Amino acid sequence: MPKLPVLSGVEVVKALSKRGYVIDHQTGSHMILRNENPPHRRLTIPNYREVAKGTLLAIIHQAGLTREEFIALL
């Protein structure tokens, strides 16, 4: 299982945008993404310099991706 790199919130959004996620809105320091394709999942991404490893794993899981699929998007 490959290690996850340390990413900022903006880098996570760029990677997820390749899978059809777009920024719906931002509340405070959190960006809310919405998938344009079914199922229309919504993800909350913190707009931090470094997203914590556990938070990143949760985001990947909620997006319906595996670690390998997410790393391929980077």
C-alpha atoms as a PDB file:
ATOM      1  CA  MET A   1       0.000   0.000   0.000  1.00  0.00           C
ATOM      2  CA  PRO A   2       1.637   3.279  -1.091  1.00  0.00           C
ATOM      3  CA  LYS A   3       2.185   6.091   1.379  1.00  0.00           C
ATOM      4  CA  LEU A   4       0.056   9.190   1.051  1.00  0.00           C
ATOM      5  CA  PRO A   5       1.927  12.413   0.344  1.00  0.00           C
ATOM      6  CA  VAL A   6       1.415  15.509   2.475  1.00  0.00           C
ATOM      7  CA  LEU A   7      -1.045  17.672   0.563  1.00  0.00           C
ATOM      8  CA  SER A   8      -2.714  21.033   1.012  1.00  0.00           C
ATOM      9  CA  GLY A   9      -6.462  21.448   0.699  1.00  0.00           C
ATOM     10  CA  VAL A  10      -6.052  23.116  -2.695  1.00  0.00           C
ATOM     11  CA  GLU A  11      -3.995  20.180  -4.000  1.00  0.00           C
ATOM     12  CA  VAL A  12      -6.693  17.740  -2.825  1.00  0.00           C
ATOM     13  CA  VAL A  13      -9.347  19.785  -4.672  1.00  0.00           C
ATOM     14  CA  LYS A  14      -7.232  19.775  -7.864  1.00  0.00           C
ATOM     15  CA  ALA A  15      -6.917  15.987  -7.725  1.00  0.00           C
ATOM     16  CA  LEU A  16     -10.625  15.447  -7.059  1.00  0.00           C
ATOM     17  CA  SER A  17     -11.605  17.839  -9.857  1.00  0.00           C
ATOM     18  CA  LYS A  18     -10.249  15.234 -12.291  1.00  0.00           C
ATOM     19  CA  ARG A  19     -13.041  12.921 -11.069  1.00  0.00           C
ATOM     20  CA  GLY A  20     -15.842  15.458 -11.643  1.00  0.00           C
ATOM     21  CA  TYR A  21     -15.847  17.318  -8.316  1.00  0.00           C
ATOM     22  CA  VAL A  22     -16.349  21.089  -8.423  1.00  0.00           C
ATOM     23  CA  ILE A  23     -16.352  23.668  -5.641  1.00  0.00           C
ATOM     24  CA  ASP A  24     -19.966  24.307  -4.666  1.00  0.00           C
ATOM     25  CA  HIS A  25     -19.228  26.896  -1.985  1.00  0.00           C
ATOM     26  CA  GLN A  26     -16.916  27.709   0.897  1.00  0.00           C
ATOM     27  CA  THR A  27     -17.868  28.133   4.533  1.00  0.00           C
ATOM     28  CA  GLY A  28     -15.064  29.594   6.611  1.00  0.00           C
ATOM     29  CA  SER A  29     -11.932  27.550   6.002  1.00  0.00           C
ATOM     30  CA  HIS A  30     -13.745  24.559   4.471  1.00  0.00           C
ATOM     31  CA  MET A  31     -14.458  24.057   0.777  1.00  0.00           C
ATOM     32  CA  ILE A  32     -17.595  22.098  -0.100  1.00  0.00           C
ATOM     33  CA  LEU A  33     -17.257  20.038  -3.276  1.00  0.00           C
ATOM     34  CA  ARG A  34     -20.091  18.490  -5.257  1.00  0.00           C
ATOM     35  CA  ASN A  35     -19.793  15.747  -7.843  1.00  0.00           C
ATOM     36  CA  GLU A  36     -21.449  16.551 -11.157  1.00  0.00           C
ATOM     37  CA  ASN A  37     -21.903  12.846 -11.948  1.00  0.00           C
ATOM     38  CA  PRO A  38     -24.207  10.411 -10.107  1.00  0.00           C
ATOM     39  CA  PRO A  39     -24.088   9.696  -7.235  1.00  0.00           C
ATOM     40  CA  HIS A  40     -23.872  13.421  -6.494  1.00  0.00           C
ATOM     41  CA  ARG A  41     -21.581  13.118  -3.484  1.00  0.00           C
ATOM     42  CA  ARG A  42     -20.641  16.141  -1.399  1.00  0.00           C
ATOM     43  CA  LEU A  43     -17.222  16.400   0.234  1.00  0.00           C
ATOM     44  CA  THR A  44     -15.875  18.861   2.765  1.00  0.00           C
ATOM     45  CA  ILE A  45     -12.204  19.713   2.269  1.00  0.00           C
ATOM     46  CA  PRO A  46     -10.346  21.848   4.837  1.00  0.00           C
ATOM     47  CA  ASN A  47      -8.469  24.725   3.213  1.00  0.00           C
ATOM     48  CA  TYR A  48      -5.283  24.135   5.223  1.00  0.00           C
ATOM     49  CA  ARG A  49      -1.626  24.073   4.210  1.00  0.00           C
ATOM     50  CA  GLU A  50      -1.426  20.431   5.309  1.00  0.00           C
ATOM     51  CA  VAL A  51      -4.442  18.149   5.472  1.00  0.00           C
ATOM     52  CA  ALA A  52      -4.030  15.597   8.269  1.00  0.00           C
ATOM     53  CA  LYS A  53      -3.409  12.005   7.189  1.00  0.00           C
ATOM     54  CA  GLY A  54      -6.584  10.653   8.830  1.00  0.00           C
ATOM     55  CA  THR A  55      -8.664  13.448   7.324  1.00  0.00           C
ATOM     56  CA  LEU A  56      -7.225  12.740   3.874  1.00  0.00           C
ATOM     57  CA  LEU A  57      -7.997   9.025   4.209  1.00  0.00           C
ATOM     58  CA  ALA A  58     -11.581   9.858   5.206  1.00  0.00           C
ATOM     59  CA  ILE A  59     -11.975  12.183   2.201  1.00  0.00           C
ATOM     60  CA  ILE A  60     -10.640   9.479  -0.144  1.00  0.00           C
ATOM     61  CA  HIS A  61     -13.058   6.938   1.340  1.00  0.00           C
ATOM     62  CA  GLN A  62     -16.038   9.320   1.104  1.00  0.00           C
ATOM     63  CA  ALA A  63     -15.178  10.013  -2.541  1.00  0.00           C
ATOM     64  CA  GLY A  64     -15.416   6.278  -3.247  1.00  0.00           C
ATOM     65  CA  LEU A  65     -11.753   5.947  -4.215  1.00  0.00           C
ATOM     66  CA  THR A  66      -8.895   3.726  -3.129  1.00  0.00           C
ATOM     67  CA  ARG A  67      -5.497   5.091  -2.122  1.00  0.00           C
ATOM     68  CA  GLU A  68      -4.027   3.940  -5.423  1.00  0.00           C
ATOM     69  CA  GLU A  69      -6.775   5.621  -7.464  1.00  0.00           C
ATOM     70  CA  PHE A  70      -6.326   8.883  -5.545  1.00  0.00           C
ATOM     71  CA  ILE A  71      -2.530   8.862  -5.916  1.00  0.00           C
ATOM     72  CA  ALA A  72      -2.954   8.302  -9.662  1.00  0.00           C
ATOM     73  CA  LEU A  73      -4.971  11.563  -9.803  1.00  0.00           C
ATOM     74  CA  LEU A  74      -2.088  13.616  -8.360  1.00  0.00           C
END
